Amino acid sequence: MVYEYINFPDGTEVVHTQILNEDKNPTVEVHFERPTPNGFDSARCELPSYKWLFNEGYSEEELSFFNEFLHHNAHLIFRYAATGGLQIA
């Protein structure tokens, strides 16, 4: 299952998975995706290791911003991953 988290002004949408490997080493994958004239820029990071699994189209500067963003939001992303996503009334 994938849950929406936030949309940035440049069109990048951030979504995350439910908690994966719950019994062993719990992880969450966070996906960044932005539409382009020829398709999409996309990147994927695994938490809590902050290991980048994939990047196509984002600059090193953008990945650095995403990395900082994740360090500030990982606790919330894990909480929402465990409870079925961000609940907006």
C-alpha atoms as a PDB file:
ATOM      1  CA  MET A   1       0.000   0.000   0.000  1.00  0.00           C
ATOM      2  CA  VAL A   2       1.221   3.525  -0.802  1.00  0.00           C
ATOM      3  CA  TYR A   3       0.087   6.666   1.031  1.00  0.00           C
ATOM      4  CA  GLU A   4       0.252  10.325   0.007  1.00  0.00           C
ATOM      5  CA  TYR A   5       2.340  12.558   2.244  1.00  0.00           C
ATOM      6  CA  ILE A   6       2.976  15.983   0.649  1.00  0.00           C
ATOM      7  CA  ASN A   7       3.208  17.855  -2.657  1.00  0.00           C
ATOM      8  CA  PHE A   8       5.959  20.417  -3.240  1.00  0.00           C
ATOM      9  CA  PRO A   9       5.471  23.624  -5.278  1.00  0.00           C
ATOM     10  CA  ASP A  10       7.587  22.250  -8.170  1.00  0.00           C
ATOM     11  CA  GLY A  11       5.055  19.445  -8.658  1.00  0.00           C
ATOM     12  CA  THR A  12       7.002  16.770  -6.760  1.00  0.00           C
ATOM     13  CA  GLU A  13       4.630  14.398  -5.008  1.00  0.00           C
ATOM     14  CA  VAL A  14       5.904  12.491  -1.974  1.00  0.00           C
ATOM     15  CA  VAL A  15       4.322   9.165  -1.087  1.00  0.00           C
ATOM     16  CA  HIS A  16       5.394   6.368   1.252  1.00  0.00           C
ATOM     17  CA  THR A  17       4.727   2.690   1.705  1.00  0.00           C
ATOM     18  CA  GLN A  18       3.247   0.922   4.661  1.00  0.00           C
ATOM     19  CA  ILE A  19       5.821  -0.514   7.051  1.00  0.00           C
ATOM     20  CA  LEU A  20       7.776  -3.243   5.261  1.00  0.00           C
ATOM     21  CA  ASN A  21       9.663  -6.144   6.904  1.00  0.00           C
ATOM     22  CA  GLU A  22       7.690  -5.520  10.073  1.00  0.00           C
ATOM     23  CA  ASP A  23       8.890  -8.704  11.809  1.00  0.00           C
ATOM     24  CA  LYS A  24      12.612  -8.282  11.149  1.00  0.00           C
ATOM     25  CA  ASN A  25      13.922  -4.802  10.365  1.00  0.00           C
ATOM     26  CA  PRO A  26      11.011  -2.383   9.814  1.00  0.00           C
ATOM     27  CA  THR A  27      11.505  -0.076   6.831  1.00  0.00           C
ATOM     28  CA  VAL A  28       9.461   2.410   4.845  1.00  0.00           C
ATOM     29  CA  GLU A  29      10.162   3.408   1.250  1.00  0.00           C
ATOM     30  CA  VAL A  30       9.554   7.046   0.362  1.00  0.00           C
ATOM     31  CA  HIS A  31       8.952   7.908  -3.296  1.00  0.00           C
ATOM     32  CA  PHE A  32       9.457  11.320  -4.897  1.00  0.00           C
ATOM     33  CA  GLU A  33       7.918  11.906  -8.330  1.00  0.00           C
ATOM     34  CA  ARG A  34       7.553  14.995 -10.525  1.00  0.00           C
ATOM     35  CA  PRO A  35       5.963  15.218 -13.986  1.00  0.00           C
ATOM     36  CA  THR A  36       8.179  16.395 -16.859  1.00  0.00           C
ATOM     37  CA  PRO A  37       7.450  16.989 -20.544  1.00  0.00           C
ATOM     38  CA  ASN A  38       8.923  13.538 -21.304  1.00  0.00           C
ATOM     39  CA  GLY A  39       7.550  11.527 -18.371  1.00  0.00           C
ATOM     40  CA  PHE A  40       8.587  11.764 -14.737  1.00  0.00           C
ATOM     41  CA  ASP A  41      11.572  12.465 -12.520  1.00  0.00           C
ATOM     42  CA  SER A  42      11.562   9.924  -9.719  1.00  0.00           C
ATOM     43  CA  ALA A  43      13.613   8.920  -6.707  1.00  0.00           C
ATOM     44  CA  ARG A  44      13.174   6.437  -3.881  1.00  0.00           C
ATOM     45  CA  CYS A  45      14.710   6.373  -0.411  1.00  0.00           C
ATOM     46  CA  GLU A  46      14.538   3.703   2.283  1.00  0.00           C
ATOM     47  CA  LEU A  47      14.037   4.666   5.910  1.00  0.00           C
ATOM     48  CA  PRO A  48      15.490   4.437   8.513  1.00  0.00           C
ATOM     49  CA  SER A  49      18.799   3.908   6.634  1.00  0.00           C
ATOM     50  CA  TYR A  50      18.285   6.954   4.355  1.00  0.00           C
ATOM     51  CA  LYS A  51      19.674   4.806   1.537  1.00  0.00           C
ATOM     52  CA  TRP A  52      18.754   6.078  -1.937  1.00  0.00           C
ATOM     53  CA  LEU A  53      17.472   3.109  -3.922  1.00  0.00           C
ATOM     54  CA  PHE A  54      16.799   4.909  -7.188  1.00  0.00           C
ATOM     55  CA  ASN A  55      17.121   8.332  -8.790  1.00  0.00           C
ATOM     56  CA  GLU A  56      16.247   9.382 -12.296  1.00  0.00           C
ATOM     57  CA  GLY A  57      16.088  13.079 -13.090  1.00  0.00           C
ATOM     58  CA  TYR A  58      16.651  14.790  -9.744  1.00  0.00           C
ATOM     59  CA  SER A  59      19.850  16.795  -9.205  1.00  0.00           C
ATOM     60  CA  GLU A  60      22.263  16.253  -6.322  1.00  0.00           C
ATOM     61  CA  GLU A  61      21.020  19.539  -4.840  1.00  0.00           C
ATOM     62  CA  GLU A  62      17.416  18.300  -4.962  1.00  0.00           C
ATOM     63  CA  LEU A  63      18.407  14.960  -3.377  1.00  0.00           C
ATOM     64  CA  SER A  64      20.206  16.872  -0.631  1.00  0.00           C
ATOM     65  CA  PHE A  65      17.003  18.836   0.048  1.00  0.00           C
ATOM     66  CA  PHE A  66      14.976  15.594   0.093  1.00  0.00           C
ATOM     67  CA  ASN A  67      17.482  14.020   2.464  1.00  0.00           C
ATOM     68  CA  GLU A  68      17.149  16.918   4.900  1.00  0.00           C
ATOM     69  CA  PHE A  69      13.362  16.805   4.504  1.00  0.00           C
ATOM     70  CA  LEU A  70      13.382  13.097   5.363  1.00  0.00           C
ATOM     71  CA  HIS A  71      15.543  13.626   8.439  1.00  0.00           C
ATOM     72  CA  HIS A  72      12.952  16.115   9.718  1.00  0.00           C
ATOM     73  CA  ASN A  73       9.925  13.988   8.779  1.00  0.00           C
ATOM     74  CA  ALA A  74      10.963  10.335   9.216  1.00  0.00           C
ATOM     75  CA  HIS A  75       9.273   9.991  12.611  1.00  0.00           C
ATOM     76  CA  LEU A  76       5.984  11.212  11.146  1.00  0.00           C
ATOM     77  CA  ILE A  77       6.278   9.072   8.030  1.00  0.00           C
ATOM     78  CA  PHE A  78       6.830   5.972  10.191  1.00  0.00           C
ATOM     79  CA  ARG A  79       3.837   6.894  12.349  1.00  0.00           C
ATOM     80  CA  TYR A  80       1.582   7.358   9.317  1.00  0.00           C
ATOM     81  CA  ALA A  81       2.926   4.195   7.673  1.00  0.00           C
ATOM     82  CA  ALA A  82       1.895   2.236  10.769  1.00  0.00           C
ATOM     83  CA  THR A  83      -1.590   3.742  10.957  1.00  0.00           C
ATOM     84  CA  GLY A  84      -2.732   3.658   7.329  1.00  0.00           C
ATOM     85  CA  GLY A  85      -1.466   6.990   6.066  1.00  0.00           C
ATOM     86  CA  LEU A  86      -2.077  10.616   6.915  1.00  0.00           C
ATOM     87  CA  GLN A  87      -5.690  11.045   8.020  1.00  0.00           C
ATOM     88  CA  ILE A  88      -7.117  14.383   6.876  1.00  0.00           C
ATOM     89  CA  ALA A  89     -10.608  15.266   8.063  1.00  0.00           C
END
